[in-house]
């Protein structure tokens, strides 16, 4: 059974930082592309960042230079370090695991940035 469990969300003031974690089980973690997506109220879910098994990263333009995705294959965990947070970063953040046609999602963690 595949499980992706996010943690680290919360309420923070604009300009602050948060670090999200996603612990994976039930998959061969070091062969999967891991990612973070987010969904704000009334909007579609959007890509935030991805990281391949080899460590190559990709970011949405809106978070480049502020967010950093990383992974620890020994701990089956992917992280999202979020700095210089803005109110428009407020959303539910979802962890994603992908390998070929196998795609899995976590339950999401709320991030709220106050102005």
C-alpha atoms as a PDB file:
ATOM      1  CA  UNK A   1       0.000   0.000   0.000  1.00  0.00           C
ATOM      2  CA  UNK A   2       1.423   3.338  -1.084  1.00  0.00           C
ATOM      3  CA  UNK A   3       1.343   6.183   1.390  1.00  0.00           C
ATOM      4  CA  UNK A   4       2.564   9.752   1.050  1.00  0.00           C
ATOM      5  CA  UNK A   5       2.291  11.675   4.304  1.00  0.00           C
ATOM      6  CA  UNK A   6       2.886  15.426   4.283  1.00  0.00           C
ATOM      7  CA  UNK A   7       3.757  17.535   7.286  1.00  0.00           C
ATOM      8  CA  UNK A   8       5.072  20.996   8.085  1.00  0.00           C
ATOM      9  CA  UNK A   9       2.247  23.215   6.932  1.00  0.00           C
ATOM     10  CA  UNK A  10       0.848  26.026   9.029  1.00  0.00           C
ATOM     11  CA  UNK A  11       0.264  29.741   9.368  1.00  0.00           C
ATOM     12  CA  UNK A  12       3.111  32.136   8.713  1.00  0.00           C
ATOM     13  CA  UNK A  13       3.468  35.852   8.089  1.00  0.00           C
ATOM     14  CA  UNK A  14       4.492  37.188   4.714  1.00  0.00           C
ATOM     15  CA  UNK A  15       8.259  37.019   4.329  1.00  0.00           C
ATOM     16  CA  UNK A  16       8.505  34.000   6.589  1.00  0.00           C
ATOM     17  CA  UNK A  17       9.582  30.433   5.905  1.00  0.00           C
ATOM     18  CA  UNK A  18       8.197  26.939   6.176  1.00  0.00           C
ATOM     19  CA  UNK A  19       9.602  23.522   5.406  1.00  0.00           C
ATOM     20  CA  UNK A  20       7.280  20.816   4.148  1.00  0.00           C
ATOM     21  CA  UNK A  21       8.129  17.127   4.382  1.00  0.00           C
ATOM     22  CA  UNK A  22       6.619  14.134   2.618  1.00  0.00           C
ATOM     23  CA  UNK A  23       7.394  10.651   3.893  1.00  0.00           C
ATOM     24  CA  UNK A  24       6.769   7.887   1.372  1.00  0.00           C
ATOM     25  CA  UNK A  25       6.159   4.197   1.869  1.00  0.00           C
ATOM     26  CA  UNK A  26       5.113   1.362  -0.389  1.00  0.00           C
ATOM     27  CA  UNK A  27       7.139   2.588  -3.372  1.00  0.00           C
ATOM     28  CA  UNK A  28      10.709   2.193  -4.555  1.00  0.00           C
ATOM     29  CA  UNK A  29      11.369   5.792  -3.595  1.00  0.00           C
ATOM     30  CA  UNK A  30      14.727   6.311  -5.248  1.00  0.00           C
ATOM     31  CA  UNK A  31      13.350   5.452  -8.700  1.00  0.00           C
ATOM     32  CA  UNK A  32      10.385   7.840  -8.615  1.00  0.00           C
ATOM     33  CA  UNK A  33      10.020  11.445  -9.626  1.00  0.00           C
ATOM     34  CA  UNK A  34       8.774  13.315  -6.575  1.00  0.00           C
ATOM     35  CA  UNK A  35       6.937  16.592  -6.658  1.00  0.00           C
ATOM     36  CA  UNK A  36       4.955  19.225  -4.824  1.00  0.00           C
ATOM     37  CA  UNK A  37       1.744  20.704  -6.162  1.00  0.00           C
ATOM     38  CA  UNK A  38      -0.647  23.200  -4.641  1.00  0.00           C
ATOM     39  CA  UNK A  39      -4.271  24.168  -4.930  1.00  0.00           C
ATOM     40  CA  UNK A  40      -5.676  27.469  -3.787  1.00  0.00           C
ATOM     41  CA  UNK A  41      -9.416  27.958  -3.178  1.00  0.00           C
ATOM     42  CA  UNK A  42     -11.291  28.239  -6.453  1.00  0.00           C
ATOM     43  CA  UNK A  43      -8.214  27.422  -8.526  1.00  0.00           C
ATOM     44  CA  UNK A  44      -6.846  24.364 -10.259  1.00  0.00           C
ATOM     45  CA  UNK A  45      -4.052  22.316  -8.771  1.00  0.00           C
ATOM     46  CA  UNK A  46      -0.709  23.537 -10.094  1.00  0.00           C
ATOM     47  CA  UNK A  47       2.847  22.335 -10.168  1.00  0.00           C
ATOM     48  CA  UNK A  48       5.216  23.854  -7.620  1.00  0.00           C
ATOM     49  CA  UNK A  49       8.392  21.790  -8.048  1.00  0.00           C
ATOM     50  CA  UNK A  50       9.647  18.361  -9.031  1.00  0.00           C
ATOM     51  CA  UNK A  51      12.835  16.407  -8.451  1.00  0.00           C
ATOM     52  CA  UNK A  52      13.996  13.346 -10.336  1.00  0.00           C
ATOM     53  CA  UNK A  53      15.695  10.295  -8.904  1.00  0.00           C
ATOM     54  CA  UNK A  54      18.985  11.803 -10.055  1.00  0.00           C
ATOM     55  CA  UNK A  55      18.330  15.104  -8.337  1.00  0.00           C
ATOM     56  CA  UNK A  56      17.354  17.273 -11.307  1.00  0.00           C
ATOM     57  CA  UNK A  57      14.836  19.903 -10.296  1.00  0.00           C
ATOM     58  CA  UNK A  58      12.115  21.919 -11.962  1.00  0.00           C
ATOM     59  CA  UNK A  59      10.201  24.872 -10.525  1.00  0.00           C
ATOM     60  CA  UNK A  60       7.165  26.932 -11.351  1.00  0.00           C
ATOM     61  CA  UNK A  61       8.181  30.457 -12.338  1.00  0.00           C
ATOM     62  CA  UNK A  62       6.222  31.866  -9.416  1.00  0.00           C
ATOM     63  CA  UNK A  63       8.440  30.122  -6.838  1.00  0.00           C
ATOM     64  CA  UNK A  64      11.867  30.179  -8.498  1.00  0.00           C
ATOM     65  CA  UNK A  65      14.483  31.640  -6.213  1.00  0.00           C
ATOM     66  CA  UNK A  66      12.243  31.293  -3.139  1.00  0.00           C
ATOM     67  CA  UNK A  67      11.469  27.554  -2.888  1.00  0.00           C
ATOM     68  CA  UNK A  68      13.862  24.613  -2.893  1.00  0.00           C
ATOM     69  CA  UNK A  69      12.910  20.977  -3.391  1.00  0.00           C
ATOM     70  CA  UNK A  70      15.191  18.225  -2.139  1.00  0.00           C
ATOM     71  CA  UNK A  71      15.048  14.532  -1.384  1.00  0.00           C
ATOM     72  CA  UNK A  72      16.666  12.106   1.015  1.00  0.00           C
ATOM     73  CA  UNK A  73      16.507   8.668  -0.555  1.00  0.00           C
ATOM     74  CA  UNK A  74      17.776   7.007   2.615  1.00  0.00           C
ATOM     75  CA  UNK A  75      14.755   8.376   4.492  1.00  0.00           C
ATOM     76  CA  UNK A  76      12.235   8.041   1.634  1.00  0.00           C
ATOM     77  CA  UNK A  77      11.419  11.708   2.147  1.00  0.00           C
ATOM     78  CA  UNK A  78      11.073  14.730  -0.087  1.00  0.00           C
ATOM     79  CA  UNK A  79      11.201  18.284   1.237  1.00  0.00           C
ATOM     80  CA  UNK A  80      10.070  21.702   0.121  1.00  0.00           C
ATOM     81  CA  UNK A  81      11.858  24.631   1.732  1.00  0.00           C
ATOM     82  CA  UNK A  82       9.756  27.739   1.246  1.00  0.00           C
ATOM     83  CA  UNK A  83      11.302  31.144   1.906  1.00  0.00           C
ATOM     84  CA  UNK A  84      10.070  34.689   1.375  1.00  0.00           C
ATOM     85  CA  UNK A  85       6.497  33.459   1.488  1.00  0.00           C
ATOM     86  CA  UNK A  86       3.769  35.620  -0.003  1.00  0.00           C
ATOM     87  CA  UNK A  87       0.010  35.666   0.628  1.00  0.00           C
ATOM     88  CA  UNK A  88      -0.484  34.256  -2.863  1.00  0.00           C
ATOM     89  CA  UNK A  89       1.392  31.121  -1.765  1.00  0.00           C
ATOM     90  CA  UNK A  90      -1.585  30.251   0.429  1.00  0.00           C
ATOM     91  CA  UNK A  91      -2.891  26.852  -0.668  1.00  0.00           C
ATOM     92  CA  UNK A  92      -3.129  23.191   0.179  1.00  0.00           C
ATOM     93  CA  UNK A  93       0.200  21.625  -0.779  1.00  0.00           C
ATOM     94  CA  UNK A  94       0.222  18.059  -2.073  1.00  0.00           C
ATOM     95  CA  UNK A  95       3.068  15.604  -2.361  1.00  0.00           C
ATOM     96  CA  UNK A  96       3.195  13.608  -5.588  1.00  0.00           C
ATOM     97  CA  UNK A  97       5.058  10.485  -6.643  1.00  0.00           C
ATOM     98  CA  UNK A  98       5.310   9.427 -10.256  1.00  0.00           C
ATOM     99  CA  UNK A  99       6.900   6.570 -12.172  1.00  0.00           C
ATOM    100  CA  UNK A 100       5.595   5.756 -15.616  1.00  0.00           C
ATOM    101  CA  UNK A 101       1.799   5.432 -15.254  1.00  0.00           C
ATOM    102  CA  UNK A 102       1.881   4.980 -11.480  1.00  0.00           C
ATOM    103  CA  UNK A 103       0.923   8.268  -9.844  1.00  0.00           C
ATOM    104  CA  UNK A 104       0.228   8.781  -6.169  1.00  0.00           C
ATOM    105  CA  UNK A 105      -0.871  11.753  -4.050  1.00  0.00           C
ATOM    106  CA  UNK A 106      -0.676  12.643  -0.412  1.00  0.00           C
ATOM    107  CA  UNK A 107      -3.607  14.026   1.550  1.00  0.00           C
ATOM    108  CA  UNK A 108      -2.293  17.588   1.495  1.00  0.00           C
ATOM    109  CA  UNK A 109      -1.127  20.082   4.075  1.00  0.00           C
ATOM    110  CA  UNK A 110      -2.466  23.623   4.456  1.00  0.00           C
ATOM    111  CA  UNK A 111      -0.115  26.572   4.107  1.00  0.00           C
ATOM    112  CA  UNK A 112      -1.537  29.977   4.985  1.00  0.00           C
ATOM    113  CA  UNK A 113       0.479  33.156   4.547  1.00  0.00           C
ATOM    114  CA  UNK A 114      -0.900  36.259   6.219  1.00  0.00           C
ATOM    115  CA  UNK A 115      -0.170  39.756   4.967  1.00  0.00           C
END
